[in-house]
Amino acid sequence: MSVHGIARRANINGQGTPTTAPIRVDTVTNTPFYCGAGTGTTEKEIVDVSSTQTLTNKSITGQGVQQYGVLSLTGSVWHTGNGGANILSWPNPSAGSIVVTRVIIASTVVSSGAALVAAGTTTASKITAADNLIDDFDLTTTAPAIHDSLTATDTEVKSAILATGGWITFTASGDPTGFAGNAYISYFTV
């Protein structure tokens, strides 16, 4: 039986075949469902755009899709680093190169020790200092405060390509004790 149009009903009408994909709107929830072509009677929910959606365990990925990463820059974590003193790193999460479009360091508590932070891209190792995105953000400035690669006034680039297997490293020169904050990384795959 071929199914045409969208029906309001409690159950699916027909089944998906190689040439048809039944669609229905649930009579109770008003949620649209479809039965993919060739899937028999297996229904899938269509996203309801008229209400707030929570995308749990669903990622929107692909070339050119803006994505985000977050790295904690807490002072106590910085001391142990991830193999190098006062160096934290964020790995490229993609199987290919990414374009890092922005890095923001947001502080919530200032450092009790004198320290500056630099951030940059590297493919050498996760403990190699780099400063091509942010340089010399003073961790003792008033909190809350932000330092943004897009508004940096020194010689840093606004964005950078990060190769497969590369990192963005955050290097504290001095003592970051007491500092609390996060780094927010915006990127897309190429």
Protein backbone atom coordinates (compact mmCIF):
# COMPACT_ATOMS: atom_id res chain seq x y z
CA MET A 1 0.00 0.00 0.00
CA SER A 2 1.40 3.35 -0.97
CA VAL A 3 1.09 6.14 1.62
CA HIS A 4 0.63 9.71 0.41
CA GLY A 5 0.65 12.88 2.51
CA ILE A 6 0.88 13.36 6.26
CA ALA A 7 -1.68 11.77 8.53
CA ARG A 8 -2.64 12.66 12.13
CA ARG A 9 -2.91 9.35 13.94
CA ALA A 10 -1.69 7.42 16.98
CA ASN A 11 0.12 4.75 14.97
CA ILE A 12 1.99 4.49 11.71
CA ASN A 13 -0.06 3.96 8.57
CA GLY A 14 1.73 1.45 6.36
CA GLN A 15 5.42 0.82 6.34
CA GLY A 16 8.54 2.18 4.74
CA THR A 17 9.46 0.55 1.47
CA PRO A 18 12.29 1.31 -0.93
CA THR A 19 10.05 3.92 -2.60
CA THR A 20 7.84 5.22 0.26
CA ALA A 21 8.41 6.82 3.66
CA PRO A 22 5.17 7.27 5.68
CA ILE A 23 4.91 10.41 7.81
CA ARG A 24 2.47 10.92 10.68
CA VAL A 25 1.76 13.52 13.36
CA ASP A 26 1.06 11.97 16.76
CA THR A 27 -2.48 12.74 17.96
CA VAL A 28 -1.39 13.28 21.59
CA THR A 29 1.99 15.02 21.40
CA ASN A 30 1.68 16.67 17.97
CA THR A 31 5.17 15.35 17.25
CA PRO A 32 5.92 14.40 13.66
CA PHE A 33 7.36 10.94 12.93
CA TYR A 34 8.54 9.29 9.74
CA CYS A 35 9.35 5.78 8.70
CA GLY A 36 12.50 5.87 6.59
CA ALA A 37 12.36 4.33 3.14
CA GLY A 38 13.14 0.63 3.33
CA THR A 39 12.98 0.46 7.16
CA GLY A 40 9.69 -1.40 7.53
CA THR A 41 7.84 -0.05 10.57
CA THR A 42 10.77 1.58 12.41
CA GLU A 43 9.71 5.14 13.23
CA LYS A 44 11.99 8.10 13.84
CA GLU A 45 10.99 11.38 15.46
CA ILE A 46 11.39 14.54 13.40
CA VAL A 47 12.71 17.53 15.36
CA ASP A 48 9.88 19.74 16.59
CA VAL A 49 10.89 23.31 15.71
CA SER A 50 8.03 24.97 17.57
CA SER A 51 9.41 24.17 21.03
CA THR A 52 12.77 24.17 22.79
CA GLN A 53 14.85 21.17 21.82
CA THR A 54 17.50 19.38 23.84
CA LEU A 55 19.97 17.58 21.65
CA THR A 56 21.37 14.90 23.92
CA ASN A 57 24.05 12.70 22.41
CA LYS A 58 23.32 14.19 18.99
CA SER A 59 26.09 16.15 17.39
CA ILE A 60 25.82 18.52 14.49
CA THR A 61 29.09 18.11 12.67
CA GLY A 62 30.53 18.46 9.23
CA GLN A 63 32.67 20.73 7.21
CA GLY A 64 32.07 24.38 8.05
CA VAL A 65 29.82 23.75 11.09
CA GLN A 66 30.94 25.98 13.98
CA GLN A 67 31.85 23.90 17.04
CA TYR A 68 33.15 24.73 20.51
CA GLY A 69 35.56 23.37 23.06
CA VAL A 70 36.10 24.32 26.71
CA LEU A 71 39.23 23.85 28.81
CA SER A 72 39.46 24.54 32.54
CA LEU A 73 42.37 26.82 33.38
CA THR A 74 42.24 26.44 37.17
CA GLY A 75 45.56 27.38 38.79
CA SER A 76 46.00 24.12 40.72
CA VAL A 77 45.52 22.09 37.53
CA TRP A 78 47.97 24.34 35.71
CA HIS A 79 50.77 23.46 38.17
CA THR A 80 50.63 19.77 37.27
CA GLY A 81 49.74 20.48 33.66
CA ASN A 82 49.57 17.47 31.38
CA GLY A 83 53.21 16.53 31.29
CA GLY A 84 54.75 19.99 31.49
CA ALA A 85 54.72 22.48 34.35
CA ASN A 86 52.32 25.39 33.81
CA ILE A 87 51.20 24.15 30.37
CA LEU A 88 47.67 22.97 29.63
CA SER A 89 46.57 21.81 26.21
CA TRP A 90 43.40 21.28 24.20
CA PRO A 91 43.73 18.62 21.46
CA ASN A 92 42.30 18.95 17.97
CA PRO A 93 39.18 16.75 18.33
CA SER A 94 38.77 16.22 14.59
CA ALA A 95 40.20 13.55 12.32
CA GLY A 96 41.36 16.36 10.01
CA SER A 97 42.55 19.93 10.22
CA ILE A 98 40.38 22.57 11.87
CA VAL A 99 40.19 26.35 11.61
CA VAL A 100 40.34 27.89 15.07
CA THR A 101 38.22 31.00 14.65
CA ARG A 102 38.43 32.36 18.18
CA VAL A 103 39.96 31.72 21.61
CA ILE A 104 38.57 33.45 24.69
CA ILE A 105 40.10 33.20 28.15
CA ALA A 106 37.53 34.13 30.77
CA SER A 107 38.68 34.56 34.36
CA THR A 108 36.40 34.28 37.38
CA VAL A 109 39.09 34.53 40.10
CA VAL A 110 42.44 36.27 39.70
CA SER A 111 45.77 34.61 40.38
CA SER A 112 47.42 35.30 43.73
CA GLY A 113 50.79 34.76 42.06
CA ALA A 114 52.18 36.94 39.29
CA ALA A 115 51.52 35.22 35.97
CA LEU A 116 50.84 35.92 32.32
CA VAL A 117 49.22 33.44 29.93
CA ALA A 118 49.85 32.79 26.26
CA ALA A 119 47.84 30.56 23.91
CA GLY A 120 48.76 29.22 20.52
CA THR A 121 48.65 26.33 18.09
CA THR A 122 51.34 23.66 17.83
CA THR A 123 51.84 20.25 16.26
CA ALA A 124 55.12 19.57 18.08
CA SER A 125 53.69 18.27 21.39
CA LYS A 126 51.02 18.97 23.98
CA ILE A 127 53.65 20.64 26.19
CA THR A 128 55.14 22.96 23.58
CA ALA A 129 54.49 26.61 24.38
CA ALA A 130 52.92 28.69 21.61
CA ASP A 131 51.58 32.25 21.53
CA ASN A 132 50.20 32.91 18.05
CA LEU A 133 46.60 33.41 19.33
CA ILE A 134 46.93 35.14 22.72
CA ASP A 135 50.01 36.61 24.35
CA ASP A 136 50.56 38.10 27.80
CA PHE A 137 47.08 38.03 29.34
CA ASP A 138 47.69 39.12 32.93
CA LEU A 139 46.10 36.60 35.32
CA THR A 140 46.15 39.13 38.15
CA THR A 141 43.79 41.61 36.43
CA THR A 142 40.36 42.23 37.91
CA ALA A 143 37.97 39.30 37.61
CA PRO A 144 35.73 38.68 35.87
CA ALA A 145 37.74 39.54 32.79
CA ILE A 146 38.18 38.20 29.27
CA HIS A 147 40.97 38.17 26.75
CA ASP A 148 39.87 37.44 23.22
CA SER A 149 42.00 36.46 20.22
CA LEU A 150 39.70 38.58 18.02
CA THR A 151 40.36 41.79 19.92
CA ALA A 152 44.03 41.23 20.79
CA THR A 153 46.06 44.34 19.99
CA ASP A 154 49.49 42.74 19.83
CA THR A 155 50.95 40.71 16.98
CA GLU A 156 48.80 37.60 17.36
CA VAL A 157 46.62 36.21 14.58
CA LYS A 158 42.84 36.29 14.93
CA SER A 159 42.41 32.67 13.79
CA ALA A 160 44.66 29.79 12.79
CA ILE A 161 44.62 26.38 11.14
CA LEU A 162 45.30 23.52 13.57
CA ALA A 163 46.50 20.35 11.87
CA THR A 164 45.41 16.82 12.70
CA GLY A 165 47.05 15.71 15.94
CA GLY A 166 47.82 19.30 16.97
CA TRP A 167 47.03 21.21 20.16
CA ILE A 168 46.24 24.65 21.43
CA THR A 169 48.55 25.14 24.40
CA PHE A 170 47.97 27.57 27.25
CA THR A 171 51.22 28.49 28.98
CA ALA A 172 51.41 30.36 32.27
CA SER A 173 54.67 32.23 32.75
CA GLY A 174 54.98 32.75 36.48
CA ASP A 175 52.72 31.46 39.23
CA PRO A 176 49.02 30.85 38.33
CA THR A 177 48.09 29.84 41.90
CA GLY A 178 44.50 30.72 42.74
CA PHE A 179 43.47 31.53 39.17
CA ALA A 180 40.08 30.20 38.09
CA GLY A 181 38.69 30.44 34.60
CA ASN A 182 38.10 28.69 31.31
CA ALA A 183 39.29 28.84 27.76
CA TYR A 184 36.57 28.77 25.10
CA ILE A 185 37.65 27.61 21.65
CA SER A 186 35.53 28.16 18.51
CA TYR A 187 36.43 26.13 15.43
CA PHE A 188 35.19 24.36 12.33
CA THR A 189 36.55 21.47 10.29
CA VAL A 190 38.08 21.92 6.85
